[in-house]
Amino acid sequence: AIDGTFDDCQDLVKAMFGDTEFRQKHRLAA
């Protein structure tokens, strides 16, 4: 549960996908 709106949650998800190293290391999928 995030202290914010859905748009905040969506932005957090997109930011994680935008971090190439983090995305590849943890094999992110959507």
Full PDB file with SEQRES, HELIX, SHEET, SSBOND, CRYST1, ORIGX, SCALE, CONECT and MASTER records, all heavy atoms in Angstrom:
SEQRES   1 A   30  ALA ILE ASP GLY THR PHE ASP ASP CYS GLN ASP LEU VAL          
SEQRES   2 A   30  LYS ALA MET PHE GLY ASP THR GLU PHE ARG GLN LYS HIS          
SEQRES   3 A   30  ARG LEU ALA ALA                                              
HELIX    1 AA1 PHE A    6  GLY A   18  1                                  13    
HELIX    2 AA2 THR A   20  LYS A   25  1                                   6    
CRYST1    1.000    1.000    1.000  90.00  90.00  90.00 P 1           1          
ORIGX1      1.000000  0.000000  0.000000        0.00000                         
ORIGX2      0.000000  1.000000  0.000000        0.00000                         
ORIGX3      0.000000  0.000000  1.000000        0.00000                         
SCALE1      1.000000  0.000000  0.000000        0.00000                         
SCALE2      0.000000  1.000000  0.000000        0.00000                         
SCALE3      0.000000  0.000000  1.000000        0.00000                         
ATOM      1  N   ALA A   1       0.853  -1.187   0.000  1.00  0.00           N  
ATOM      2  CA  ALA A   1       0.000   0.000   0.000  1.00  0.00           C  
ATOM      3  C   ALA A   1       0.889   1.237   0.000  1.00  0.00           C  
ATOM      4  O   ALA A   1       1.716   1.419   0.903  1.00  0.00           O  
ATOM      5  CB  ALA A   1      -0.915   0.002   1.214  1.00  0.00           C  
ATOM      6  N   ILE A   2       0.715   2.085  -1.009  1.00  0.00           N  
ATOM      7  CA  ILE A   2       1.543   3.273  -1.177  1.00  0.00           C  
ATOM      8  C   ILE A   2       0.793   4.500  -0.670  1.00  0.00           C  
ATOM      9  O   ILE A   2      -0.403   4.667  -0.930  1.00  0.00           O  
ATOM     10  CB  ILE A   2       1.923   3.466  -2.657  1.00  0.00           C  
ATOM     11  CG1 ILE A   2       2.778   2.294  -3.151  1.00  0.00           C  
ATOM     12  CG2 ILE A   2       2.653   4.791  -2.868  1.00  0.00           C  
ATOM     13  CD1 ILE A   2       4.128   2.180  -2.478  1.00  0.00           C  
ATOM     14  N   ASP A   3       1.509   5.357   0.029  1.00  0.00           N  
ATOM     15  CA  ASP A   3       0.928   6.607   0.497  1.00  0.00           C  
ATOM     16  C   ASP A   3       0.886   7.597  -0.673  1.00  0.00           C  
ATOM     17  O   ASP A   3       1.772   8.426  -0.842  1.00  0.00           O  
ATOM     18  CB  ASP A   3       1.761   7.171   1.646  1.00  0.00           C  
ATOM     19  CG  ASP A   3       1.139   8.418   2.254  1.00  0.00           C  
ATOM     20  OD1 ASP A   3      -0.059   8.665   2.004  1.00  0.00           O  
ATOM     21  OD2 ASP A   3       1.860   9.151   2.960  1.00  0.00           O  
ATOM     22  N   GLY A   4      -0.169   7.478  -1.501  1.00  0.00           N  
ATOM     23  CA  GLY A   4      -0.287   8.330  -2.678  1.00  0.00           C  
ATOM     24  C   GLY A   4      -1.459   7.907  -3.532  1.00  0.00           C  
ATOM     25  O   GLY A   4      -2.371   7.219  -3.074  1.00  0.00           O  
ATOM     26  N   THR A   5      -1.437   8.302  -4.800  1.00  0.00           N  
ATOM     27  CA  THR A   5      -2.510   7.997  -5.749  1.00  0.00           C  
ATOM     28  C   THR A   5      -2.106   6.835  -6.651  1.00  0.00           C  
ATOM     29  O   THR A   5      -0.954   6.364  -6.608  1.00  0.00           O  
ATOM     30  CB  THR A   5      -2.806   9.220  -6.633  1.00  0.00           C  
ATOM     31  OG1 THR A   5      -1.665   9.466  -7.485  1.00  0.00           O  
ATOM     32  CG2 THR A   5      -3.086  10.454  -5.796  1.00  0.00           C  
ATOM     33  N   PHE A   6      -3.053   6.391  -7.493  1.00  0.00           N  
ATOM     34  CA  PHE A   6      -2.701   5.370  -8.479  1.00  0.00           C  
ATOM     35  C   PHE A   6      -1.610   5.868  -9.406  1.00  0.00           C  
ATOM     36  O   PHE A   6      -0.688   5.115  -9.768  1.00  0.00           O  
ATOM     37  CB  PHE A   6      -3.920   4.958  -9.307  1.00  0.00           C  
ATOM     38  CG  PHE A   6      -3.538   4.156 -10.521  1.00  0.00           C  
ATOM     39  CD1 PHE A   6      -3.152   2.829 -10.403  1.00  0.00           C  
ATOM     40  CD2 PHE A   6      -3.523   4.738 -11.785  1.00  0.00           C  
ATOM     41  CE1 PHE A   6      -2.771   2.086 -11.517  1.00  0.00           C  
ATOM     42  CE2 PHE A   6      -3.143   4.001 -12.907  1.00  0.00           C  
ATOM     43  CZ  PHE A   6      -2.765   2.679 -12.766  1.00  0.00           C  
ATOM     44  N   ASP A   7      -1.673   7.131  -9.822  1.00  0.00           N  
ATOM     45  CA  ASP A   7      -0.644   7.666 -10.708  1.00  0.00           C  
ATOM     46  C   ASP A   7       0.728   7.586 -10.059  1.00  0.00           C  
ATOM     47  O   ASP A   7       1.728   7.309 -10.728  1.00  0.00           O  
ATOM     48  CB  ASP A   7      -0.965   9.114 -11.087  1.00  0.00           C  
ATOM     49  CG  ASP A   7      -2.154   9.215 -12.019  1.00  0.00           C  
ATOM     50  OD1 ASP A   7      -2.295   8.329 -12.885  1.00  0.00           O  
ATOM     51  OD2 ASP A   7      -2.943  10.158 -11.886  1.00  0.00           O  
ATOM     52  N   ASP A   8       0.785   7.802  -8.739  1.00  0.00           N  
ATOM     53  CA  ASP A   8       2.057   7.645  -8.030  1.00  0.00           C  
ATOM     54  C   ASP A   8       2.538   6.196  -8.114  1.00  0.00           C  
ATOM     55  O   ASP A   8       3.727   5.931  -8.361  1.00  0.00           O  
ATOM     56  CB  ASP A   8       1.899   8.044  -6.560  1.00  0.00           C  
ATOM     57  CG  ASP A   8       1.614   9.528  -6.375  1.00  0.00           C  
ATOM     58  OD1 ASP A   8       2.116  10.330  -7.177  1.00  0.00           O  
ATOM     59  OD2 ASP A   8       0.868   9.868  -5.439  1.00  0.00           O  
ATOM     60  N   CYS A   9       1.630   5.259  -7.906  1.00  0.00           N  
ATOM     61  CA  CYS A   9       1.984   3.835  -7.996  1.00  0.00           C  
ATOM     62  C   CYS A   9       2.481   3.494  -9.394  1.00  0.00           C  
ATOM     63  O   CYS A   9       3.493   2.790  -9.565  1.00  0.00           O  
ATOM     64  CB  CYS A   9       0.780   2.966  -7.642  1.00  0.00           C  
ATOM     65  SG  CYS A   9       0.184   3.132  -5.950  1.00  0.00           S  
ATOM     66  N   GLN A  10       1.775   3.983 -10.405  1.00  0.00           N  
ATOM     67  CA  GLN A  10       2.148   3.714 -11.784  1.00  0.00           C  
ATOM     68  C   GLN A  10       3.512   4.318 -12.112  1.00  0.00           C  
ATOM     69  O   GLN A  10       4.331   3.702 -12.808  1.00  0.00           O  
ATOM     70  CB  GLN A  10       1.070   4.277 -12.715  1.00  0.00           C  
ATOM     71  CG  GLN A  10       1.250   3.933 -14.181  1.00  0.00           C  
ATOM     72  CD  GLN A  10       0.008   4.230 -14.992  1.00  0.00           C  
ATOM     73  OE1 GLN A  10      -0.637   3.324 -15.515  1.00  0.00           O  
ATOM     74  NE2 GLN A  10      -0.359   5.497 -15.112  1.00  0.00           N  
ATOM     75  N   ASP A  11       3.778   5.513 -11.601  1.00  0.00           N  
ATOM     76  CA  ASP A  11       5.076   6.150 -11.837  1.00  0.00           C  
ATOM     77  C   ASP A  11       6.207   5.360 -11.187  1.00  0.00           C  
ATOM     78  O   ASP A  11       7.313   5.259 -11.744  1.00  0.00           O  
ATOM     79  CB  ASP A  11       5.065   7.582 -11.295  1.00  0.00           C  
ATOM     80  CG  ASP A  11       4.264   8.541 -12.167  1.00  0.00           C  
ATOM     81  OD1 ASP A  11       3.970   8.176 -13.327  1.00  0.00           O  
ATOM     82  OD2 ASP A  11       3.933   9.643 -11.680  1.00  0.00           O  
ATOM     83  N   LEU A  12       5.955   4.805 -10.005  1.00  0.00           N  
ATOM     84  CA  LEU A  12       6.967   3.982  -9.339  1.00  0.00           C  
ATOM     85  C   LEU A  12       7.294   2.743 -10.167  1.00  0.00           C  
ATOM     86  O   LEU A  12       8.468   2.371 -10.320  1.00  0.00           O  
ATOM     87  CB  LEU A  12       6.482   3.574  -7.950  1.00  0.00           C  
ATOM     88  CG  LEU A  12       6.413   4.684  -6.896  1.00  0.00           C  
ATOM     89  CD1 LEU A  12       5.630   4.212  -5.675  1.00  0.00           C  
ATOM     90  CD2 LEU A  12       7.816   5.132  -6.486  1.00  0.00           C  
ATOM     91  N   VAL A  13       6.265   2.113 -10.706  1.00  0.00           N  
ATOM     92  CA  VAL A  13       6.480   0.940 -11.547  1.00  0.00           C  
ATOM     93  C   VAL A  13       7.296   1.309 -12.784  1.00  0.00           C  
ATOM     94  O   VAL A  13       8.276   0.635 -13.137  1.00  0.00           O  
ATOM     95  CB  VAL A  13       5.131   0.315 -11.951  1.00  0.00           C  
ATOM     96  CG1 VAL A  13       5.340  -0.774 -13.007  1.00  0.00           C  
ATOM     97  CG2 VAL A  13       4.427  -0.265 -10.735  1.00  0.00           C  
ATOM     98  N   LYS A  14       6.921   2.393 -13.453  1.00  0.00           N  
ATOM     99  CA  LYS A  14       7.640   2.808 -14.663  1.00  0.00           C  
ATOM    100  C   LYS A  14       9.085   3.187 -14.344  1.00  0.00           C  
ATOM    101  O   LYS A  14       9.992   2.935 -15.147  1.00  0.00           O  
ATOM    102  CB  LYS A  14       6.905   3.966 -15.337  1.00  0.00           C  
ATOM    103  CG  LYS A  14       5.600   3.551 -16.000  1.00  0.00           C  
ATOM    104  CD  LYS A  14       4.974   4.712 -16.766  1.00  0.00           C  
ATOM    105  CE  LYS A  14       3.734   4.256 -17.509  1.00  0.00           C  
ATOM    106  NZ  LYS A  14       3.108   5.358 -18.281  1.00  0.00           N  
ATOM    107  N   ALA A  15       9.300   3.799 -13.178  1.00  0.00           N  
ATOM    108  CA  ALA A  15      10.664   4.169 -12.798  1.00  0.00           C  
ATOM    109  C   ALA A  15      11.533   2.932 -12.595  1.00  0.00           C  
ATOM    110  O   ALA A  15      12.718   2.923 -12.978  1.00  0.00           O  
ATOM    111  CB  ALA A  15      10.633   5.004 -11.522  1.00  0.00           C  
ATOM    112  N   MET A  16      10.971   1.894 -12.007  1.00  0.00           N  
ATOM    113  CA  MET A  16      11.739   0.657 -11.836  1.00  0.00           C  
ATOM    114  C   MET A  16      12.065   0.022 -13.172  1.00  0.00           C  
ATOM    115  O   MET A  16      13.175  -0.489 -13.382  1.00  0.00           O  
ATOM    116  CB  MET A  16      10.966  -0.313 -10.935  1.00  0.00           C  
ATOM    117  CG  MET A  16      11.037   0.042  -9.464  1.00  0.00           C  
ATOM    118  SD  MET A  16      10.223  -1.154  -8.379  1.00  0.00           S  
ATOM    119  CE  MET A  16       8.522  -0.616  -8.520  1.00  0.00           C  
ATOM    120  N   PHE A  17      11.111   0.054 -14.094  1.00  0.00           N  
ATOM    121  CA  PHE A  17      11.382  -0.473 -15.431  1.00  0.00           C  
ATOM    122  C   PHE A  17      12.401   0.401 -16.167  1.00  0.00           C  
ATOM    123  O   PHE A  17      13.143  -0.084 -17.018  1.00  0.00           O  
ATOM    124  CB  PHE A  17      10.083  -0.571 -16.241  1.00  0.00           C  
ATOM    125  CG  PHE A  17       9.325  -1.838 -16.009  1.00  0.00           C  
ATOM    126  CD1 PHE A  17       8.407  -1.936 -14.977  1.00  0.00           C  
ATOM    127  CD2 PHE A  17       9.536  -2.949 -16.810  1.00  0.00           C  
ATOM    128  CE1 PHE A  17       7.701  -3.101 -14.755  1.00  0.00           C  
ATOM    129  CE2 PHE A  17       8.842  -4.131 -16.600  1.00  0.00           C  
ATOM    130  CZ  PHE A  17       7.918  -4.209 -15.563  1.00  0.00           C  
ATOM    131  N   GLY A  18      12.429   1.684 -15.837  1.00  0.00           N  
ATOM    132  CA  GLY A  18      13.370   2.588 -16.497  1.00  0.00           C  
ATOM    133  C   GLY A  18      14.795   2.449 -16.000  1.00  0.00           C  
ATOM    134  O   GLY A  18      15.726   2.942 -16.640  1.00  0.00           O  
ATOM    135  N   ASP A  19      14.992   1.789 -14.862  1.00  0.00           N  
ATOM    136  CA  ASP A  19      16.331   1.532 -14.325  1.00  0.00           C  
ATOM    137  C   ASP A  19      16.819   0.213 -14.926  1.00  0.00           C  
ATOM    138  O   ASP A  19      16.508  -0.872 -14.437  1.00  0.00           O  
ATOM    139  CB  ASP A  19      16.259   1.447 -12.797  1.00  0.00           C  
ATOM    140  CG  ASP A  19      17.624   1.334 -12.148  1.00  0.00           C  
ATOM    141  OD1 ASP A  19      18.509   0.663 -12.725  1.00  0.00           O  
ATOM    142  OD2 ASP A  19      17.805   1.884 -11.045  1.00  0.00           O  
ATOM    143  N   THR A  20      17.597   0.297 -15.994  1.00  0.00           N  
ATOM    144  CA  THR A  20      17.990  -0.889 -16.763  1.00  0.00           C  
ATOM    145  C   THR A  20      18.694  -1.929 -15.905  1.00  0.00           C  
ATOM    146  O   THR A  20      18.405  -3.131 -16.002  1.00  0.00           O  
ATOM    147  CB  THR A  20      18.891  -0.489 -17.939  1.00  0.00           C  
ATOM    148  OG1 THR A  20      18.197   0.462 -18.752  1.00  0.00           O  
ATOM    149  CG2 THR A  20      19.252  -1.696 -18.783  1.00  0.00           C  
ATOM    150  N   GLU A  21      19.611  -1.487 -15.059  1.00  0.00           N  
ATOM    151  CA  GLU A  21      20.360  -2.430 -14.231  1.00  0.00           C  
ATOM    152  C   GLU A  21      19.440  -3.159 -13.262  1.00  0.00           C  
ATOM    153  O   GLU A  21      19.502  -4.391 -13.126  1.00  0.00           O  
ATOM    154  CB  GLU A  21      21.455  -1.682 -13.452  1.00  0.00           C  
ATOM    155  CG  GLU A  21      22.301  -2.608 -12.583  1.00  0.00           C  
ATOM    156  CD  GLU A  21      23.379  -1.856 -11.821  1.00  0.00           C  
ATOM    157  OE1 GLU A  21      23.546  -0.643 -12.058  1.00  0.00           O  
ATOM    158  OE2 GLU A  21      24.061  -2.490 -10.977  1.00  0.00           O  
ATOM    159  N   PHE A  22      18.545  -2.434 -12.600  1.00  0.00           N  
ATOM    160  CA  PHE A  22      17.614  -3.039 -11.645  1.00  0.00           C  
ATOM    161  C   PHE A  22      16.645  -3.967 -12.364  1.00  0.00           C  
ATOM    162  O   PHE A  22      16.365  -5.074 -11.899  1.00  0.00           O  
ATOM    163  CB  PHE A  22      16.848  -1.919 -10.918  1.00  0.00           C  
ATOM    164  CG  PHE A  22      15.910  -2.409  -9.861  1.00  0.00           C  
ATOM    165  CD1 PHE A  22      16.372  -2.694  -8.582  1.00  0.00           C  
ATOM    166  CD2 PHE A  22      14.555  -2.589 -10.129  1.00  0.00           C  
ATOM    167  CE1 PHE A  22      15.503  -3.143  -7.592  1.00  0.00           C  
ATOM    168  CE2 PHE A  22      13.679  -3.037  -9.153  1.00  0.00           C  
ATOM    169  CZ  PHE A  22      14.166  -3.323  -7.878  1.00  0.00           C  
ATOM    170  N   ARG A  23      16.181  -3.512 -13.501  1.00  0.00           N  
ATOM    171  CA  ARG A  23      15.213  -4.295 -14.284  1.00  0.00           C  
ATOM    172  C   ARG A  23      15.795  -5.636 -14.703  1.00  0.00           C  
ATOM    173  O   ARG A  23      15.148  -6.674 -14.581  1.00  0.00           O  
ATOM    174  CB  ARG A  23      14.801  -3.478 -15.498  1.00  0.00           C  
ATOM    175  CG  ARG A  23      13.886  -4.179 -16.477  1.00  0.00           C  
ATOM    176  CD  ARG A  23      13.579  -3.214 -17.600  1.00  0.00           C  
ATOM    177  NE  ARG A  23      12.665  -3.759 -18.578  1.00  0.00           N  
ATOM    178  CZ  ARG A  23      12.077  -3.034 -19.524  1.00  0.00           C  
ATOM    179  NH1 ARG A  23      12.304  -1.741 -19.590  1.00  0.00           N  
ATOM    180  NH2 ARG A  23      11.257  -3.589 -20.383  1.00  0.00           N  
ATOM    181  N   GLN A  24      17.021  -5.627 -15.183  1.00  0.00           N  
ATOM    182  CA  GLN A  24      17.651  -6.861 -15.650  1.00  0.00           C  
ATOM    183  C   GLN A  24      18.032  -7.775 -14.489  1.00  0.00           C  
ATOM    184  O   GLN A  24      17.849  -8.998 -14.563  1.00  0.00           O  
ATOM    185  CB  GLN A  24      18.869  -6.517 -16.501  1.00  0.00           C  
ATOM    186  CG  GLN A  24      18.526  -5.832 -17.816  1.00  0.00           C  
ATOM    187  CD  GLN A  24      19.757  -5.431 -18.604  1.00  0.00           C  
ATOM    188  OE1 GLN A  24      20.895  -5.456 -18.080  1.00  0.00           O  
ATOM    189  NE2 GLN A  24      19.577  -5.041 -19.856  1.00  0.00           N  
ATOM    190  N   LYS A  25      18.533  -7.183 -13.419  1.00  0.00           N  
ATOM    191  CA  LYS A  25      18.971  -7.975 -12.269  1.00  0.00           C  
ATOM    192  C   LYS A  25      17.824  -8.759 -11.657  1.00  0.00           C  
ATOM    193  O   LYS A  25      17.979  -9.931 -11.293  1.00  0.00           O  
ATOM    194  CB  LYS A  25      19.614  -7.062 -11.222  1.00  0.00           C  
ATOM    195  CG  LYS A  25      20.083  -7.806  -9.972  1.00  0.00           C  
ATOM    196  CD  LYS A  25      20.737  -6.851  -8.985  1.00  0.00           C  
ATOM    197  CE  LYS A  25      21.198  -7.587  -7.737  1.00  0.00           C  
ATOM    198  NZ  LYS A  25      21.842  -6.673  -6.747  1.00  0.00           N  
ATOM    199  N   HIS A  26      16.653  -8.113 -11.572  1.00  0.00           N  
ATOM    200  CA  HIS A  26      15.515  -8.747 -10.903  1.00  0.00           C  
ATOM    201  C   HIS A  26      14.470  -9.277 -11.883  1.00  0.00           C  
ATOM    202  O   HIS A  26      13.389  -9.703 -11.470  1.00  0.00           O  
ATOM    203  CB  HIS A  26      14.883  -7.754  -9.928  1.00  0.00           C  
ATOM    204  CG  HIS A  26      15.808  -7.324  -8.830  1.00  0.00           C  
ATOM    205  ND1 HIS A  26      16.203  -8.163  -7.803  1.00  0.00           N  
ATOM    206  CD2 HIS A  26      16.465  -6.145  -8.632  1.00  0.00           C  
ATOM    207  CE1 HIS A  26      17.036  -7.526  -7.000  1.00  0.00           C  
ATOM    208  NE2 HIS A  26      17.212  -6.303  -7.471  1.00  0.00           N  
ATOM    209  N   ARG A  27      14.785  -9.254 -13.180  1.00  0.00           N  
ATOM    210  CA  ARG A  27      13.951  -9.842 -14.233  1.00  0.00           C  
ATOM    211  C   ARG A  27      12.505  -9.330 -14.141  1.00  0.00           C  
ATOM    212  O   ARG A  27      11.551 -10.109 -14.027  1.00  0.00           O  
ATOM    213  CB  ARG A  27      13.974 -11.381 -14.146  1.00  0.00           C  
ATOM    214  CG  ARG A  27      15.356 -11.979 -14.178  1.00  0.00           C  
ATOM    215  CD  ARG A  27      15.350 -13.494 -14.093  1.00  0.00           C  
ATOM    216  NE  ARG A  27      14.587 -13.990 -12.964  1.00  0.00           N  
ATOM    217  CZ  ARG A  27      15.031 -14.019 -11.707  1.00  0.00           C  
ATOM    218  NH1 ARG A  27      16.235 -13.582 -11.419  1.00  0.00           N  
ATOM    219  NH2 ARG A  27      14.261 -14.476 -10.741  1.00  0.00           N  
ATOM    220  N   LEU A  28      12.354  -7.999 -14.186  1.00  0.00           N  
ATOM    221  CA  LEU A  28      11.037  -7.396 -14.040  1.00  0.00           C  
ATOM    222  C   LEU A  28      10.154  -7.692 -15.241  1.00  0.00           C  
ATOM    223  O   LEU A  28      10.606  -7.703 -16.386  1.00  0.00           O  
ATOM    224  CB  LEU A  28      11.151  -5.877 -13.864  1.00  0.00           C  
ATOM    225  CG  LEU A  28      11.917  -5.351 -12.652  1.00  0.00           C  
ATOM    226  CD1 LEU A  28      11.681  -3.849 -12.513  1.00  0.00           C  
ATOM    227  CD2 LEU A  28      11.516  -6.074 -11.373  1.00  0.00           C  
ATOM    228  N   ALA A  29       8.872  -7.901 -14.970  1.00  0.00           N  
ATOM    229  CA  ALA A  29       7.860  -8.080 -16.012  1.00  0.00           C  
ATOM    230  C   ALA A  29       6.601  -7.351 -15.561  1.00  0.00           C  
ATOM    231  O   ALA A  29       6.441  -7.025 -14.378  1.00  0.00           O  
ATOM    232  CB  ALA A  29       7.573  -9.564 -16.247  1.00  0.00           C  
ATOM    233  N   ALA A  30       5.697  -7.077 -16.513  1.00  0.00           N  
ATOM    234  CA  ALA A  30       4.537  -6.229 -16.230  1.00  0.00           C  
ATOM    235  C   ALA A  30       3.223  -6.951 -16.493  1.00  0.00           C  
ATOM    236  O   ALA A  30       3.114  -7.734 -17.441  1.00  0.00           O  
ATOM    237  CB  ALA A  30       4.590  -4.960 -17.080  1.00  0.00           C  
TER     238      ALA A  30                                                      
MASTER        0    0    0    2    0    0    0    6  237    1    0    3          
END                                                                             
